Amino acid sequence: LLEFAKEILPNFDTDISKRLKQTLSKRGLEFFNQAAVT
């Protein structure tokens, strides 16, 4: 996943988005935040 914003789920509570990202990462999803697709 490539996300331009600093966190996933930009409109959600920061604590929730951070912890959800950690849990999903454990499932094998790879995140790159503040990534701008060119």
PDB file of all heavy atoms in Angstrom:
ATOM      1  N   LEU A   1       0.833  -1.204   0.000  1.00  0.00           N
ATOM      2  CA  LEU A   1       0.000   0.000   0.000  1.00  0.00           C
ATOM      3  C   LEU A   1       0.867   1.253   0.000  1.00  0.00           C
ATOM      4  O   LEU A   1       1.804   1.358   0.806  1.00  0.00           O
ATOM      5  CB  LEU A   1      -0.933   0.034   1.201  1.00  0.00           C
ATOM      6  CG  LEU A   1      -2.010  -1.054   1.241  1.00  0.00           C
ATOM      7  CD1 LEU A   1      -1.612  -2.135   2.239  1.00  0.00           C
ATOM      8  CD2 LEU A   1      -3.371  -0.474   1.610  1.00  0.00           C
ATOM      9  N   LEU A   2       0.549   2.180  -0.891  1.00  0.00           N
ATOM     10  CA  LEU A   2       1.245   3.463  -0.981  1.00  0.00           C
ATOM     11  C   LEU A   2       0.261   4.561  -0.616  1.00  0.00           C
ATOM     12  O   LEU A   2      -0.747   4.760  -1.301  1.00  0.00           O
ATOM     13  CB  LEU A   2       1.773   3.679  -2.406  1.00  0.00           C
ATOM     14  CG  LEU A   2       2.641   2.549  -2.997  1.00  0.00           C
ATOM     15  CD1 LEU A   2       2.996   2.867  -4.442  1.00  0.00           C
ATOM     16  CD2 LEU A   2       3.906   2.353  -2.161  1.00  0.00           C
ATOM     17  N   GLU A   3       0.533   5.265   0.472  1.00  0.00           N
ATOM     18  CA  GLU A   3      -0.377   6.304   0.962  1.00  0.00           C
ATOM     19  C   GLU A   3       0.350   7.642   1.055  1.00  0.00           C
ATOM     20  O   GLU A   3       1.429   7.725   1.644  1.00  0.00           O
ATOM     21  CB  GLU A   3      -0.946   5.905   2.320  1.00  0.00           C
ATOM     22  CG  GLU A   3      -1.684   6.998   3.075  1.00  0.00           C
ATOM     23  CD  GLU A   3      -2.851   7.589   2.288  1.00  0.00           C
ATOM     24  OE1 GLU A   3      -3.701   6.811   1.806  1.00  0.00           O
ATOM     25  OE2 GLU A   3      -2.910   8.822   2.153  1.00  0.00           O
ATOM     26  N   PHE A   4      -0.252   8.674   0.485  1.00  0.00           N
ATOM     27  CA  PHE A   4       0.361  10.005   0.462  1.00  0.00           C
ATOM     28  C   PHE A   4       0.379  10.645   1.851  1.00  0.00           C
ATOM     29  O   PHE A   4       1.309  11.369   2.195  1.00  0.00           O
ATOM     30  CB  PHE A   4      -0.390  10.899  -0.525  1.00  0.00           C
ATOM     31  CG  PHE A   4       0.225  12.252  -0.716  1.00  0.00           C
ATOM     32  CD1 PHE A   4       1.362  12.401  -1.489  1.00  0.00           C
ATOM     33  CD2 PHE A   4      -0.324  13.371  -0.111  1.00  0.00           C
ATOM     34  CE1 PHE A   4       1.953  13.659  -1.660  1.00  0.00           C
ATOM     35  CE2 PHE A   4       0.246  14.625  -0.267  1.00  0.00           C
ATOM     36  CZ  PHE A   4       1.388  14.765  -1.050  1.00  0.00           C
ATOM     37  N   ALA A   5      -0.651  10.378   2.662  1.00  0.00           N
ATOM     38  CA  ALA A   5      -0.750  11.000   3.983  1.00  0.00           C
ATOM     39  C   ALA A   5       0.222  10.362   4.975  1.00  0.00           C
ATOM     40  O   ALA A   5       0.797   9.304   4.736  1.00  0.00           O
ATOM     41  CB  ALA A   5      -2.181  10.891   4.508  1.00  0.00           C
ATOM     42  N   LYS A   6       0.364  11.022   6.119  1.00  0.00           N
ATOM     43  CA  LYS A   6       1.292  10.563   7.159  1.00  0.00           C
ATOM     44  C   LYS A   6       0.825   9.262   7.788  1.00  0.00           C
ATOM     45  O   LYS A   6       1.643   8.431   8.202  1.00  0.00           O
ATOM     46  CB  LYS A   6       1.438  11.648   8.230  1.00  0.00           C
ATOM     47  CG  LYS A   6       2.478  11.344   9.286  1.00  0.00           C
ATOM     48  CD  LYS A   6       2.604  12.494  10.277  1.00  0.00           C
ATOM     49  CE  LYS A   6       3.652  12.204  11.341  1.00  0.00           C
ATOM     50  NZ  LYS A   6       3.769  13.315  12.319  1.00  0.00           N
ATOM     51  N   GLU A   7      -0.497   9.080   7.897  1.00  0.00           N
ATOM     52  CA  GLU A   7      -1.057   7.867   8.502  1.00  0.00           C
ATOM     53  C   GLU A   7      -2.058   7.225   7.543  1.00  0.00           C
ATOM     54  O   GLU A   7      -2.570   7.879   6.633  1.00  0.00           O
ATOM     55  CB  GLU A   7      -1.771   8.201   9.822  1.00  0.00           C
ATOM     56  CG  GLU A   7      -0.892   8.831  10.888  1.00  0.00           C
ATOM     57  CD  GLU A   7       0.172   7.905  11.441  1.00  0.00           C
ATOM     58  OE1 GLU A   7       0.053   6.685  11.230  1.00  0.00           O
ATOM     59  OE2 GLU A   7       1.105   8.398  12.092  1.00  0.00           O
ATOM     60  N   ILE A   8      -2.360   5.956   7.760  1.00  0.00           N
ATOM     61  CA  ILE A   8      -3.460   5.331   7.035  1.00  0.00           C
ATOM     62  C   ILE A   8      -4.762   5.873   7.619  1.00  0.00           C
ATOM     63  O   ILE A   8      -4.769   6.455   8.705  1.00  0.00           O
ATOM     64  CB  ILE A   8      -3.412   3.793   7.130  1.00  0.00           C
ATOM     65  CG1 ILE A   8      -3.650   3.307   8.573  1.00  0.00           C
ATOM     66  CG2 ILE A   8      -2.087   3.264   6.607  1.00  0.00           C
ATOM     67  CD1 ILE A   8      -3.836   1.806   8.709  1.00  0.00           C
ATOM     68  N   LEU A   9      -5.862   5.700   6.922  1.00  0.00           N
ATOM     69  CA  LEU A   9      -7.166   6.212   7.365  1.00  0.00           C
ATOM     70  C   LEU A   9      -7.029   7.653   7.865  1.00  0.00           C
ATOM     71  O   LEU A   9      -7.234   7.930   9.054  1.00  0.00           O
ATOM     72  CB  LEU A   9      -7.751   5.335   8.474  1.00  0.00           C
ATOM     73  CG  LEU A   9      -8.185   3.934   8.093  1.00  0.00           C
ATOM     74  CD1 LEU A   9      -8.643   3.168   9.328  1.00  0.00           C
ATOM     75  CD2 LEU A   9      -9.284   3.958   7.057  1.00  0.00           C
ATOM     76  N   PRO A  10      -6.686   8.581   6.989  1.00  0.00           N
ATOM     77  CA  PRO A  10      -6.405   9.960   7.404  1.00  0.00           C
ATOM     78  C   PRO A  10      -7.496  10.632   8.225  1.00  0.00           C
ATOM     79  O   PRO A  10      -7.203  11.503   9.046  1.00  0.00           O
ATOM     80  CB  PRO A  10      -6.212  10.686   6.062  1.00  0.00           C
ATOM     81  CG  PRO A  10      -5.747   9.627   5.129  1.00  0.00           C
ATOM     82  CD  PRO A  10      -6.492   8.392   5.540  1.00  0.00           C
ATOM     83  N   ASN A  11      -8.761  10.257   8.042  1.00  0.00           N
ATOM     84  CA  ASN A  11      -9.854  10.912   8.769  1.00  0.00           C
ATOM     85  C   ASN A  11     -10.187  10.236  10.094  1.00  0.00           C
ATOM     86  O   ASN A  11     -11.064  10.708  10.816  1.00  0.00           O
ATOM     87  CB  ASN A  11     -11.106  10.962   7.891  1.00  0.00           C
ATOM     88  CG  ASN A  11     -10.909  11.821   6.660  1.00  0.00           C
ATOM     89  OD1 ASN A  11     -10.215  12.835   6.709  1.00  0.00           O
ATOM     90  ND2 ASN A  11     -11.494  11.419   5.547  1.00  0.00           N
ATOM     91  N   PHE A  12      -9.499   9.150  10.412  1.00  0.00           N
ATOM     92  CA  PHE A  12      -9.763   8.438  11.660  1.00  0.00           C
ATOM     93  C   PHE A  12      -8.850   8.939  12.780  1.00  0.00           C
ATOM     94  O   PHE A  12      -7.868   9.643  12.543  1.00  0.00           O
ATOM     95  CB  PHE A  12      -9.560   6.932  11.467  1.00  0.00           C
ATOM     96  CG  PHE A  12     -10.788   6.195  11.011  1.00  0.00           C
ATOM     97  CD1 PHE A  12     -11.399   6.510   9.806  1.00  0.00           C
ATOM     98  CD2 PHE A  12     -11.343   5.193  11.791  1.00  0.00           C
ATOM     99  CE1 PHE A  12     -12.524   5.830   9.376  1.00  0.00           C
ATOM    100  CE2 PHE A  12     -12.471   4.503  11.373  1.00  0.00           C
ATOM    101  CZ  PHE A  12     -13.061   4.824  10.167  1.00  0.00           C
ATOM    102  N   ASP A  13      -9.187   8.565  13.999  1.00  0.00           N
ATOM    103  CA  ASP A  13      -8.364   8.881  15.163  1.00  0.00           C
ATOM    104  C   ASP A  13      -6.960   8.300  14.970  1.00  0.00           C
ATOM    105  O   ASP A  13      -6.803   7.158  14.513  1.00  0.00           O
ATOM    106  CB  ASP A  13      -9.016   8.278  16.413  1.00  0.00           C
ATOM    107  CG  ASP A  13      -8.226   8.547  17.677  1.00  0.00           C
ATOM    108  OD1 ASP A  13      -8.457   9.574  18.313  1.00  0.00           O
ATOM    109  OD2 ASP A  13      -7.360   7.702  18.002  1.00  0.00           O
ATOM    110  N   THR A  14      -5.955   9.076  15.308  1.00  0.00           N
ATOM    111  CA  THR A  14      -4.566   8.680  15.071  1.00  0.00           C
ATOM    112  C   THR A  14      -4.196   7.396  15.814  1.00  0.00           C
ATOM    113  O   THR A  14      -3.499   6.527  15.268  1.00  0.00           O
ATOM    114  CB  THR A  14      -3.605   9.805  15.473  1.00  0.00           C
ATOM    115  OG1 THR A  14      -3.925  10.981  14.718  1.00  0.00           O
ATOM    116  CG2 THR A  14      -2.168   9.427  15.184  1.00  0.00           C
ATOM    117  N   ASP A  15      -4.650   7.248  17.047  1.00  0.00           N
ATOM    118  CA  ASP A  15      -4.350   6.031  17.810  1.00  0.00           C
ATOM    119  C   ASP A  15      -4.898   4.798  17.108  1.00  0.00           C
ATOM    120  O   ASP A  15      -4.240   3.742  17.045  1.00  0.00           O
ATOM    121  CB  ASP A  15      -4.954   6.106  19.218  1.00  0.00           C
ATOM    122  CG  ASP A  15      -4.049   6.827  20.199  1.00  0.00           C
ATOM    123  OD1 ASP A  15      -2.841   6.906  19.930  1.00  0.00           O
ATOM    124  OD2 ASP A  15      -4.558   7.302  21.228  1.00  0.00           O
ATOM    125  N   ILE A  16      -6.099   4.917  16.577  1.00  0.00           N
ATOM    126  CA  ILE A  16      -6.732   3.792  15.894  1.00  0.00           C
ATOM    127  C   ILE A  16      -5.971   3.453  14.617  1.00  0.00           C
ATOM    128  O   ILE A  16      -5.649   2.286  14.349  1.00  0.00           O
ATOM    129  CB  ILE A  16      -8.206   4.106  15.575  1.00  0.00           C
ATOM    130  CG1 ILE A  16      -9.001   4.339  16.860  1.00  0.00           C
ATOM    131  CG2 ILE A  16      -8.820   2.986  14.738  1.00  0.00           C
ATOM    132  CD1 ILE A  16      -9.025   3.173  17.817  1.00  0.00           C
ATOM    133  N   SER A  17      -5.672   4.462  13.806  1.00  0.00           N
ATOM    134  CA  SER A  17      -4.993   4.205  12.533  1.00  0.00           C
ATOM    135  C   SER A  17      -3.603   3.616  12.757  1.00  0.00           C
ATOM    136  O   SER A  17      -3.183   2.699  12.047  1.00  0.00           O
ATOM    137  CB  SER A  17      -4.911   5.489  11.697  1.00  0.00           C
ATOM    138  OG  SER A  17      -4.197   6.507  12.367  1.00  0.00           O
ATOM    139  N   LYS A  18      -2.881   4.101  13.765  1.00  0.00           N
ATOM    140  CA  LYS A  18      -1.542   3.571  14.042  1.00  0.00           C
ATOM    141  C   LYS A  18      -1.600   2.109  14.472  1.00  0.00           C
ATOM    142  O   LYS A  18      -0.828   1.271  13.998  1.00  0.00           O
ATOM    143  CB  LYS A  18      -0.863   4.407  15.127  1.00  0.00           C
ATOM    144  CG  LYS A  18      -0.344   5.760  14.640  1.00  0.00           C
ATOM    145  CD  LYS A  18       0.348   6.518  15.761  1.00  0.00           C
ATOM    146  CE  LYS A  18       0.923   7.838  15.259  1.00  0.00           C
ATOM    147  NZ  LYS A  18       1.572   8.608  16.353  1.00  0.00           N
ATOM    148  N   ARG A  19      -2.512   1.790  15.379  1.00  0.00           N
ATOM    149  CA  ARG A  19      -2.587   0.415  15.882  1.00  0.00           C
ATOM    150  C   ARG A  19      -3.136  -0.543  14.834  1.00  0.00           C
ATOM    151  O   ARG A  19      -2.704  -1.691  14.751  1.00  0.00           O
ATOM    152  CB  ARG A  19      -3.446   0.365  17.151  1.00  0.00           C
ATOM    153  CG  ARG A  19      -2.846   1.184  18.286  1.00  0.00           C
ATOM    154  CD  ARG A  19      -3.224   0.620  19.621  1.00  0.00           C
ATOM    155  NE  ARG A  19      -2.724   1.458  20.699  1.00  0.00           N
ATOM    156  CZ  ARG A  19      -2.574   1.050  21.949  1.00  0.00           C
ATOM    157  NH1 ARG A  19      -2.859  -0.209  22.253  1.00  0.00           N
ATOM    158  NH2 ARG A  19      -2.126   1.864  22.879  1.00  0.00           N
ATOM    159  N   LEU A  20      -4.081  -0.057  14.043  1.00  0.00           N
ATOM    160  CA  LEU A  20      -4.597  -0.900  12.967  1.00  0.00           C
ATOM    161  C   LEU A  20      -3.497  -1.199  11.967  1.00  0.00           C
ATOM    162  O   LEU A  20      -3.369  -2.332  11.477  1.00  0.00           O
ATOM    163  CB  LEU A  20      -5.779  -0.215  12.283  1.00  0.00           C
ATOM    164  CG  LEU A  20      -6.442  -0.996  11.147  1.00  0.00           C
ATOM    165  CD1 LEU A  20      -6.989  -2.337  11.648  1.00  0.00           C
ATOM    166  CD2 LEU A  20      -7.563  -0.182  10.511  1.00  0.00           C
ATOM    167  N   LYS A  21      -2.688  -0.208  11.672  1.00  0.00           N
ATOM    168  CA  LYS A  21      -1.564  -0.409  10.752  1.00  0.00           C
ATOM    169  C   LYS A  21      -0.603  -1.469  11.297  1.00  0.00           C
ATOM    170  O   LYS A  21      -0.131  -2.341  10.546  1.00  0.00           O
ATOM    171  CB  LYS A  21      -0.831   0.911  10.531  1.00  0.00           C
ATOM    172  CG  LYS A  21       0.358   0.811   9.584  1.00  0.00           C
ATOM    173  CD  LYS A  21       1.041   2.168   9.447  1.00  0.00           C
ATOM    174  CE  LYS A  21       2.290   2.082   8.588  1.00  0.00           C
ATOM    175  NZ  LYS A  21       2.976   3.396   8.483  1.00  0.00           N
ATOM    176  N   GLN A  22      -0.315  -1.416  12.591  1.00  0.00           N
ATOM    177  CA  GLN A  22       0.580  -2.405  13.194  1.00  0.00           C
ATOM    178  C   GLN A  22       0.000  -3.817  13.072  1.00  0.00           C
ATOM    179  O   GLN A  22       0.708  -4.765  12.712  1.00  0.00           O
ATOM    180  CB  GLN A  22       0.796  -2.068  14.677  1.00  0.00           C
ATOM    181  CG  GLN A  22       1.620  -0.814  14.911  1.00  0.00           C
ATOM    182  CD  GLN A  22       1.652  -0.421  16.387  1.00  0.00           C
ATOM    183  OE1 GLN A  22       1.015  -1.064  17.233  1.00  0.00           O
ATOM    184  NE2 GLN A  22       2.377   0.645  16.705  1.00  0.00           N
ATOM    185  N   THR A  23      -1.290  -3.949  13.341  1.00  0.00           N
ATOM    186  CA  THR A  23      -1.931  -5.259  13.281  1.00  0.00           C
ATOM    187  C   THR A  23      -1.974  -5.788  11.849  1.00  0.00           C
ATOM    188  O   THR A  23      -1.699  -6.964  11.598  1.00  0.00           O
ATOM    189  CB  THR A  23      -3.356  -5.180  13.859  1.00  0.00           C
ATOM    190  OG1 THR A  23      -3.285  -4.733  15.212  1.00  0.00           O
ATOM    191  CG2 THR A  23      -4.033  -6.543  13.826  1.00  0.00           C
ATOM    192  N   LEU A  24      -2.302  -4.917  10.895  1.00  0.00           N
ATOM    193  CA  LEU A  24      -2.349  -5.340   9.500  1.00  0.00           C
ATOM    194  C   LEU A  24      -0.956  -5.672   8.978  1.00  0.00           C
ATOM    195  O   LEU A  24      -0.786  -6.573   8.148  1.00  0.00           O
ATOM    196  CB  LEU A  24      -2.997  -4.249   8.642  1.00  0.00           C
ATOM    197  CG  LEU A  24      -4.489  -3.996   8.903  1.00  0.00           C
ATOM    198  CD1 LEU A  24      -4.979  -2.818   8.075  1.00  0.00           C
ATOM    199  CD2 LEU A  24      -5.321  -5.237   8.592  1.00  0.00           C
ATOM    200  N   SER A  25       0.042  -4.968   9.475  1.00  0.00           N
ATOM    201  CA  SER A  25       1.424  -5.262   9.073  1.00  0.00           C
ATOM    202  C   SER A  25       1.829  -6.663   9.520  1.00  0.00           C
ATOM    203  O   SER A  25       2.544  -7.374   8.811  1.00  0.00           O
ATOM    204  CB  SER A  25       2.383  -4.223   9.652  1.00  0.00           C
ATOM    205  OG  SER A  25       2.133  -2.939   9.116  1.00  0.00           O
ATOM    206  N   LYS A  26       1.358  -7.059  10.701  1.00  0.00           N
ATOM    207  CA  LYS A  26       1.650  -8.403  11.196  1.00  0.00           C
ATOM    208  C   LYS A  26       1.030  -9.476  10.301  1.00  0.00           C
ATOM    209  O   LYS A  26       1.520 -10.604  10.231  1.00  0.00           O
ATOM    210  CB  LYS A  26       1.118  -8.577  12.628  1.00  0.00           C
ATOM    211  CG  LYS A  26       1.868  -7.770  13.672  1.00  0.00           C
ATOM    212  CD  LYS A  26       1.227  -7.944  15.040  1.00  0.00           C
ATOM    213  CE  LYS A  26       1.881  -7.066  16.081  1.00  0.00           C
ATOM    214  NZ  LYS A  26       1.193  -7.170  17.394  1.00  0.00           N
ATOM    215  N   ARG A  27      -0.042  -9.102   9.610  1.00  0.00           N
ATOM    216  CA  ARG A  27      -0.683 -10.042   8.681  1.00  0.00           C
ATOM    217  C   ARG A  27       0.047 -10.103   7.342  1.00  0.00           C
ATOM    218  O   ARG A  27      -0.331 -10.886   6.468  1.00  0.00           O
ATOM    219  CB  ARG A  27      -2.136  -9.633   8.439  1.00  0.00           C
ATOM    220  CG  ARG A  27      -3.071  -9.844   9.631  1.00  0.00           C
ATOM    221  CD  ARG A  27      -4.511  -9.551   9.244  1.00  0.00           C
ATOM    222  NE  ARG A  27      -4.904 -10.332   8.069  1.00  0.00           N
ATOM    223  CZ  ARG A  27      -5.878  -9.977   7.235  1.00  0.00           C
ATOM    224  NH1 ARG A  27      -6.548  -8.863   7.421  1.00  0.00           N
ATOM    225  NH2 ARG A  27      -6.174 -10.742   6.193  1.00  0.00           N
ATOM    226  N   GLY A  28       1.076  -9.260   7.188  1.00  0.00           N
ATOM    227  CA  GLY A  28       1.871  -9.323   5.968  1.00  0.00           C
ATOM    228  C   GLY A  28       1.638  -8.197   4.991  1.00  0.00           C
ATOM    229  O   GLY A  28       2.253  -8.173   3.916  1.00  0.00           O
ATOM    230  N   LEU A  29       0.794  -7.224   5.322  1.00  0.00           N
ATOM    231  CA  LEU A  29       0.604  -6.066   4.450  1.00  0.00           C
ATOM    232  C   LEU A  29       1.790  -5.130   4.602  1.00  0.00           C
ATOM    233  O   LEU A  29       2.264  -4.888   5.724  1.00  0.00           O
ATOM    234  CB  LEU A  29      -0.689  -5.327   4.790  1.00  0.00           C
ATOM    235  CG  LEU A  29      -1.981  -5.870   4.180  1.00  0.00           C
ATOM    236  CD1 LEU A  29      -2.341  -7.224   4.766  1.00  0.00           C
ATOM    237  CD2 LEU A  29      -3.133  -4.899   4.407  1.00  0.00           C
ATOM    238  N   GLU A  30       2.273  -4.597   3.484  1.00  0.00           N
ATOM    239  CA  GLU A  30       3.422  -3.695   3.511  1.00  0.00           C
ATOM    240  C   GLU A  30       2.948  -2.271   3.227  1.00  0.00           C
ATOM    241  O   GLU A  30       2.313  -2.015   2.208  1.00  0.00           O
ATOM    242  CB  GLU A  30       4.466  -4.117   2.484  1.00  0.00           C
ATOM    243  CG  GLU A  30       5.774  -3.354   2.612  1.00  0.00           C
ATOM    244  CD  GLU A  30       6.869  -3.894   1.711  1.00  0.00           C
ATOM    245  OE1 GLU A  30       6.543  -4.579   0.716  1.00  0.00           O
ATOM    246  OE2 GLU A  30       8.053  -3.646   2.008  1.00  0.00           O
ATOM    247  N   PHE A  31       3.248  -1.348   4.153  1.00  0.00           N
ATOM    248  CA  PHE A  31       2.796   0.039   4.045  1.00  0.00           C
ATOM    249  C   PHE A  31       3.953   0.985   3.776  1.00  0.00           C
ATOM    250  O   PHE A  31       5.040   0.843   4.358  1.00  0.00           O
ATOM    251  CB  PHE A  31       2.116   0.481   5.350  1.00  0.00           C
ATOM    252  CG  PHE A  31       0.808  -0.195   5.634  1.00  0.00           C
ATOM    253  CD1 PHE A  31       0.769  -1.367   6.379  1.00  0.00           C
ATOM    254  CD2 PHE A  31      -0.380   0.336   5.178  1.00  0.00           C
ATOM    255  CE1 PHE A  31      -0.429  -1.994   6.662  1.00  0.00           C
ATOM    256  CE2 PHE A  31      -1.589  -0.275   5.457  1.00  0.00           C
ATOM    257  CZ  PHE A  31      -1.619  -1.449   6.204  1.00  0.00           C
ATOM    258  N   PHE A  32       3.699   1.976   2.918  1.00  0.00           N
ATOM    259  CA  PHE A  32       4.619   3.086   2.721  1.00  0.00           C
ATOM    260  C   PHE A  32       3.803   4.371   2.806  1.00  0.00           C
ATOM    261  O   PHE A  32       3.043   4.702   1.893  1.00  0.00           O
ATOM    262  CB  PHE A  32       5.327   2.993   1.361  1.00  0.00           C
ATOM    263  CG  PHE A  32       6.267   1.827   1.248  1.00  0.00           C
ATOM    264  CD1 PHE A  32       5.817   0.613   0.748  1.00  0.00           C
ATOM    265  CD2 PHE A  32       7.586   1.941   1.670  1.00  0.00           C
ATOM    266  CE1 PHE A  32       6.672  -0.476   0.657  1.00  0.00           C
ATOM    267  CE2 PHE A  32       8.452   0.852   1.584  1.00  0.00           C
ATOM    268  CZ  PHE A  32       7.997  -0.355   1.074  1.00  0.00           C
ATOM    269  N   ASN A  33       3.916   5.056   3.953  1.00  0.00           N
ATOM    270  CA  ASN A  33       3.211   6.327   4.133  1.00  0.00           C
ATOM    271  C   ASN A  33       4.060   7.486   3.637  1.00  0.00           C
ATOM    272  O   ASN A  33       5.282   7.381   3.545  1.00  0.00           O
ATOM    273  CB  ASN A  33       2.835   6.530   5.594  1.00  0.00           C
ATOM    274  CG  ASN A  33       1.646   5.678   6.000  1.00  0.00           C
ATOM    275  OD1 ASN A  33       1.796   4.510   6.357  1.00  0.00           O
ATOM    276  ND2 ASN A  33       0.457   6.256   5.922  1.00  0.00           N
ATOM    277  N   GLN A  34       3.393   8.584   3.338  1.00  0.00           N
ATOM    278  CA  GLN A  34       4.044   9.766   2.751  1.00  0.00           C
ATOM    279  C   GLN A  34       4.778   9.377   1.466  1.00  0.00           C
ATOM    280  O   GLN A  34       5.884   9.834   1.194  1.00  0.00           O
ATOM    281  CB  GLN A  34       4.984  10.426   3.762  1.00  0.00           C
ATOM    282  CG  GLN A  34       4.234  10.992   4.973  1.00  0.00           C
ATOM    283  CD  GLN A  34       5.146  11.637   5.987  1.00  0.00           C
ATOM    284  OE1 GLN A  34       5.946  10.957   6.639  1.00  0.00           O
ATOM    285  NE2 GLN A  34       5.035  12.957   6.131  1.00  0.00           N
ATOM    286  N   ALA A  35       4.099   8.520   0.705  1.00  0.00           N
ATOM    287  CA  ALA A  35       4.640   8.060  -0.571  1.00  0.00           C
ATOM    288  C   ALA A  35       3.830   8.700  -1.692  1.00  0.00           C
ATOM    289  O   ALA A  35       2.602   8.597  -1.711  1.00  0.00           O
ATOM    290  CB  ALA A  35       4.559   6.536  -0.671  1.00  0.00           C
ATOM    291  N   ALA A  36       4.495   9.364  -2.605  1.00  0.00           N
ATOM    292  CA  ALA A  36       3.837  10.045  -3.721  1.00  0.00           C
ATOM    293  C   ALA A  36       4.090   9.276  -5.011  1.00  0.00           C
ATOM    294  O   ALA A  36       5.234   9.183  -5.476  1.00  0.00           O
ATOM    295  CB  ALA A  36       4.346  11.474  -3.846  1.00  0.00           C
ATOM    296  N   VAL A  37       3.024   8.704  -5.571  1.00  0.00           N
ATOM    297  CA  VAL A  37       3.157   7.951  -6.818  1.00  0.00           C
ATOM    298  C   VAL A  37       3.365   8.924  -7.978  1.00  0.00           C
ATOM    299  O   VAL A  37       2.623   9.891  -8.133  1.00  0.00           O
ATOM    300  CB  VAL A  37       1.908   7.083  -7.071  1.00  0.00           C
ATOM    301  CG1 VAL A  37       2.014   6.360  -8.413  1.00  0.00           C
ATOM    302  CG2 VAL A  37       1.752   6.071  -5.941  1.00  0.00           C
ATOM    303  N   THR A  38       4.379   8.666  -8.796  1.00  0.00           N
ATOM    304  CA  THR A  38       4.718   9.573  -9.899  1.00  0.00           C
ATOM    305  C   THR A  38       4.375   9.012 -11.272  1.00  0.00           C
ATOM    306  O   THR A  38       4.070   9.761 -12.195  1.00  0.00           O
ATOM    307  CB  THR A  38       6.216   9.911  -9.862  1.00  0.00           C
ATOM    308  OG1 THR A  38       6.979   8.679  -9.872  1.00  0.00           O
ATOM    309  CG2 THR A  38       6.556  10.698  -8.601  1.00  0.00           C
TER     310      THR A  38
END
